């Protein structure tokens, strides 16, 4: 089974357990701490993902790290399960998918806003409020600057793009004039 699909199953199961037995936000933090520890320490990552290392050794490492991170029982059980099944390599994907589920549960949507010039804090707040009204959800917004759009705003929310850039409007006008 592809690792992304496997990670999705584990993330869904962990989220369901977190809703029933624990705090989903706390679980996200604990899982993020473990993923950060793995990505920061290449030797640890190599040991936990190497098929030559026996599952029992990975299990002991996962148990020790879960205890050291003071992880809650659902996270500890997940880490041991992943170690037993030699699936600790999917932790980063699992974390990303868990975060998506958590944001969906919290009614939060991620938006990427691109403008030609930097936005003032007041303008960022205004755009955030308009996007919240548009989506009916709380907006977690990131901004970037791209002078190539000339002016206006390009906003991406999930797979939907709202392109109000001058560059796009000029391209559409050019297309109409040349036809």
Protein backbone atom coordinates (compact mmCIF):
# COMPACT_ATOMS: atom_id res chain seq x y z
CA UNK A 1 0.00 0.00 0.00
CA UNK A 2 1.39 3.45 -0.86
CA UNK A 3 2.68 5.33 2.18
CA UNK A 4 0.33 8.32 1.68
CA UNK A 5 -2.75 6.07 1.73
CA UNK A 6 -1.41 4.22 4.74
CA UNK A 7 -0.65 7.51 6.51
CA UNK A 8 -4.22 8.67 5.78
CA UNK A 9 -5.65 5.58 7.49
CA UNK A 10 -3.46 6.04 10.56
CA UNK A 11 -4.23 9.77 10.71
CA UNK A 12 -7.97 9.13 10.52
CA UNK A 13 -7.77 6.49 13.26
CA UNK A 14 -5.58 8.66 15.50
CA UNK A 15 -7.92 11.61 15.07
CA UNK A 16 -10.97 9.50 15.94
CA UNK A 17 -9.23 8.22 19.08
CA UNK A 18 -8.07 11.76 19.98
CA UNK A 19 -11.65 13.04 19.80
CA UNK A 20 -12.87 10.31 22.13
CA UNK A 21 -10.01 9.96 24.60
CA UNK A 22 -7.85 13.06 24.51
CA UNK A 23 -7.30 16.59 23.16
CA UNK A 24 -6.76 16.56 19.37
CA UNK A 25 -4.61 19.71 19.55
CA UNK A 26 -2.36 18.16 22.19
CA UNK A 27 -2.04 15.00 20.08
CA UNK A 28 -0.99 17.13 17.11
CA UNK A 29 1.71 18.79 19.18
CA UNK A 30 3.05 15.47 20.47
CA UNK A 31 3.09 13.95 17.00
CA UNK A 32 4.79 17.09 15.65
CA UNK A 33 7.44 16.84 18.37
CA UNK A 34 8.19 13.25 17.40
CA UNK A 35 8.30 14.12 13.68
CA UNK A 36 10.62 17.06 14.39
CA UNK A 37 12.88 14.84 16.45
CA UNK A 38 13.05 12.34 13.60
CA UNK A 39 13.75 14.94 10.93
CA UNK A 40 16.37 16.74 13.04
CA UNK A 41 18.33 13.59 13.84
CA UNK A 42 19.36 11.75 10.69
CA UNK A 43 20.83 8.83 12.64
CA UNK A 44 17.55 8.31 14.49
CA UNK A 45 15.61 8.54 11.26
CA UNK A 46 17.95 6.05 9.60
CA UNK A 47 17.55 3.61 12.49
CA UNK A 48 13.76 3.89 12.57
CA UNK A 49 13.30 3.52 8.82
CA UNK A 50 16.01 0.96 8.05
CA UNK A 51 14.47 -2.43 7.22
CA UNK A 52 17.60 -4.15 8.56
CA UNK A 53 16.83 -2.95 12.10
CA UNK A 54 14.45 -5.44 13.73
CA UNK A 55 10.96 -4.30 14.67
CA UNK A 56 11.66 -5.10 18.33
CA UNK A 57 14.53 -2.59 18.35
CA UNK A 58 12.37 0.05 16.69
CA UNK A 59 9.65 -0.65 19.21
CA UNK A 60 12.03 -0.06 22.15
CA UNK A 61 13.22 3.20 20.57
CA UNK A 62 9.65 4.34 19.92
CA UNK A 63 8.60 3.49 23.49
CA UNK A 64 11.60 5.36 24.93
CA UNK A 65 11.00 8.41 22.75
CA UNK A 66 7.28 8.43 23.58
CA UNK A 67 8.13 8.39 27.28
CA UNK A 68 10.84 11.04 26.91
CA UNK A 69 8.46 13.32 24.98
CA UNK A 70 5.83 12.68 27.67
CA UNK A 71 3.39 11.67 24.93
CA UNK A 72 -0.20 10.75 25.71
CA UNK A 73 -1.30 7.10 25.48
CA UNK A 74 -2.83 7.41 21.97
CA UNK A 75 0.44 8.75 20.55
CA UNK A 76 2.53 6.17 22.39
CA UNK A 77 0.30 3.35 21.13
CA UNK A 78 0.51 4.71 17.58
CA UNK A 79 4.31 4.93 17.68
CA UNK A 80 4.59 1.37 18.97
CA UNK A 81 2.14 0.15 16.33
CA UNK A 82 4.08 1.92 13.57
CA UNK A 83 7.34 0.48 14.90
CA UNK A 84 5.91 -3.04 15.02
CA UNK A 85 4.71 -2.70 11.43
CA UNK A 86 7.93 -1.01 10.25
CA UNK A 87 5.97 2.11 9.21
CA UNK A 88 7.73 4.87 11.19
CA UNK A 89 8.84 6.37 7.88
CA UNK A 90 5.30 7.68 7.28
CA UNK A 91 5.23 9.90 10.38
CA UNK A 92 5.72 13.14 8.39
CA UNK A 93 2.84 12.31 6.02
CA UNK A 94 0.72 11.13 8.93
CA UNK A 95 1.31 14.44 10.72
CA UNK A 96 0.37 16.48 7.64
CA UNK A 97 -2.84 14.51 7.15
CA UNK A 98 -3.68 14.68 10.86
CA UNK A 99 -3.27 18.47 10.72
CA UNK A 100 -5.68 18.63 7.77
CA UNK A 101 -8.27 16.69 9.74
CA UNK A 102 -7.72 18.90 12.79
CA UNK A 103 -8.16 22.07 10.74
CA UNK A 104 -11.32 20.66 9.17
CA UNK A 105 -12.66 19.80 12.62
CA UNK A 106 -11.86 23.30 13.90
CA UNK A 107 -13.48 24.89 10.84
CA UNK A 108 -10.19 26.48 9.79
CA UNK A 109 -9.12 26.90 6.19
CA UNK A 110 -5.64 27.76 4.93
CA UNK A 111 -5.33 30.62 2.42
CA UNK A 112 -2.30 31.81 0.47
CA UNK A 113 -2.52 35.44 -0.62
CA UNK A 114 -0.11 36.84 -3.20
CA UNK A 115 0.19 40.55 -3.96
CA UNK A 116 2.53 42.71 -6.04
CA UNK A 117 3.62 44.75 -3.01
CA UNK A 118 3.78 43.97 0.72
CA UNK A 119 0.49 44.36 2.58
CA UNK A 120 0.02 46.51 5.64
CA UNK A 121 -1.17 44.70 8.79
CA UNK A 122 -4.54 46.46 8.46
CA UNK A 123 -4.95 45.24 4.88
CA UNK A 124 -4.01 41.68 5.90
CA UNK A 125 -6.73 41.83 8.57
CA UNK A 126 -9.29 43.14 6.06
CA UNK A 127 -8.50 40.42 3.54
CA UNK A 128 -8.65 37.78 6.28
CA UNK A 129 -12.09 39.00 7.35
CA UNK A 130 -13.39 38.97 3.77
CA UNK A 131 -12.05 35.47 3.20
CA UNK A 132 -13.67 34.31 6.45
CA UNK A 133 -16.98 35.74 5.27
CA UNK A 134 -16.53 34.10 1.85
CA UNK A 135 -15.68 30.65 3.21
CA UNK A 136 -17.72 30.71 6.41
CA UNK A 137 -14.65 29.49 8.29
CA UNK A 138 -11.76 30.89 10.24
CA UNK A 139 -8.87 31.66 7.87
CA UNK A 140 -5.23 30.83 8.53
CA UNK A 141 -3.61 33.15 6.01
CA UNK A 142 -0.08 33.40 4.66
CA UNK A 143 1.03 36.22 2.40
CA UNK A 144 3.70 36.49 -0.25
CA UNK A 145 4.89 39.11 -2.72
CA UNK A 146 5.22 38.52 -6.47
CA UNK A 147 5.86 41.67 -8.54
CA UNK A 148 5.00 39.71 -11.71
CA UNK A 149 1.28 39.99 -10.98
CA UNK A 150 1.66 43.80 -11.41
CA UNK A 151 -1.21 44.58 -9.02
CA UNK A 152 -4.30 43.09 -7.42
CA UNK A 153 -4.50 39.93 -5.36
CA UNK A 154 -4.25 36.21 -6.09
CA UNK A 155 -5.72 33.98 -3.39
CA UNK A 156 -5.51 30.20 -3.16
CA UNK A 157 -7.81 28.36 -0.77
CA UNK A 158 -7.30 24.64 -1.15
CA UNK A 159 -7.57 23.92 -4.85
CA UNK A 160 -9.60 27.07 -5.60
CA UNK A 161 -7.78 30.13 -6.95
CA UNK A 162 -9.29 33.60 -6.95
CA UNK A 163 -7.16 35.56 -9.42
CA UNK A 164 -7.77 39.30 -9.33
CA UNK A 165 -4.32 40.20 -10.61
CA UNK A 166 -3.73 42.87 -13.23
CA UNK A 167 -1.41 40.50 -15.11
CA UNK A 168 -4.26 38.01 -15.59
CA UNK A 169 -6.71 40.73 -16.58
CA UNK A 170 -4.22 42.02 -19.17
CA UNK A 171 -3.71 38.50 -20.51
CA UNK A 172 -7.49 38.02 -20.87
CA UNK A 173 -7.82 41.40 -22.60
CA UNK A 174 -4.99 40.50 -24.98
CA UNK A 175 -6.71 37.19 -25.77
CA UNK A 176 -9.99 38.95 -26.56
CA UNK A 177 -8.29 41.52 -28.78
CA UNK A 178 -6.34 38.94 -30.78
CA UNK A 179 -9.33 36.70 -31.53
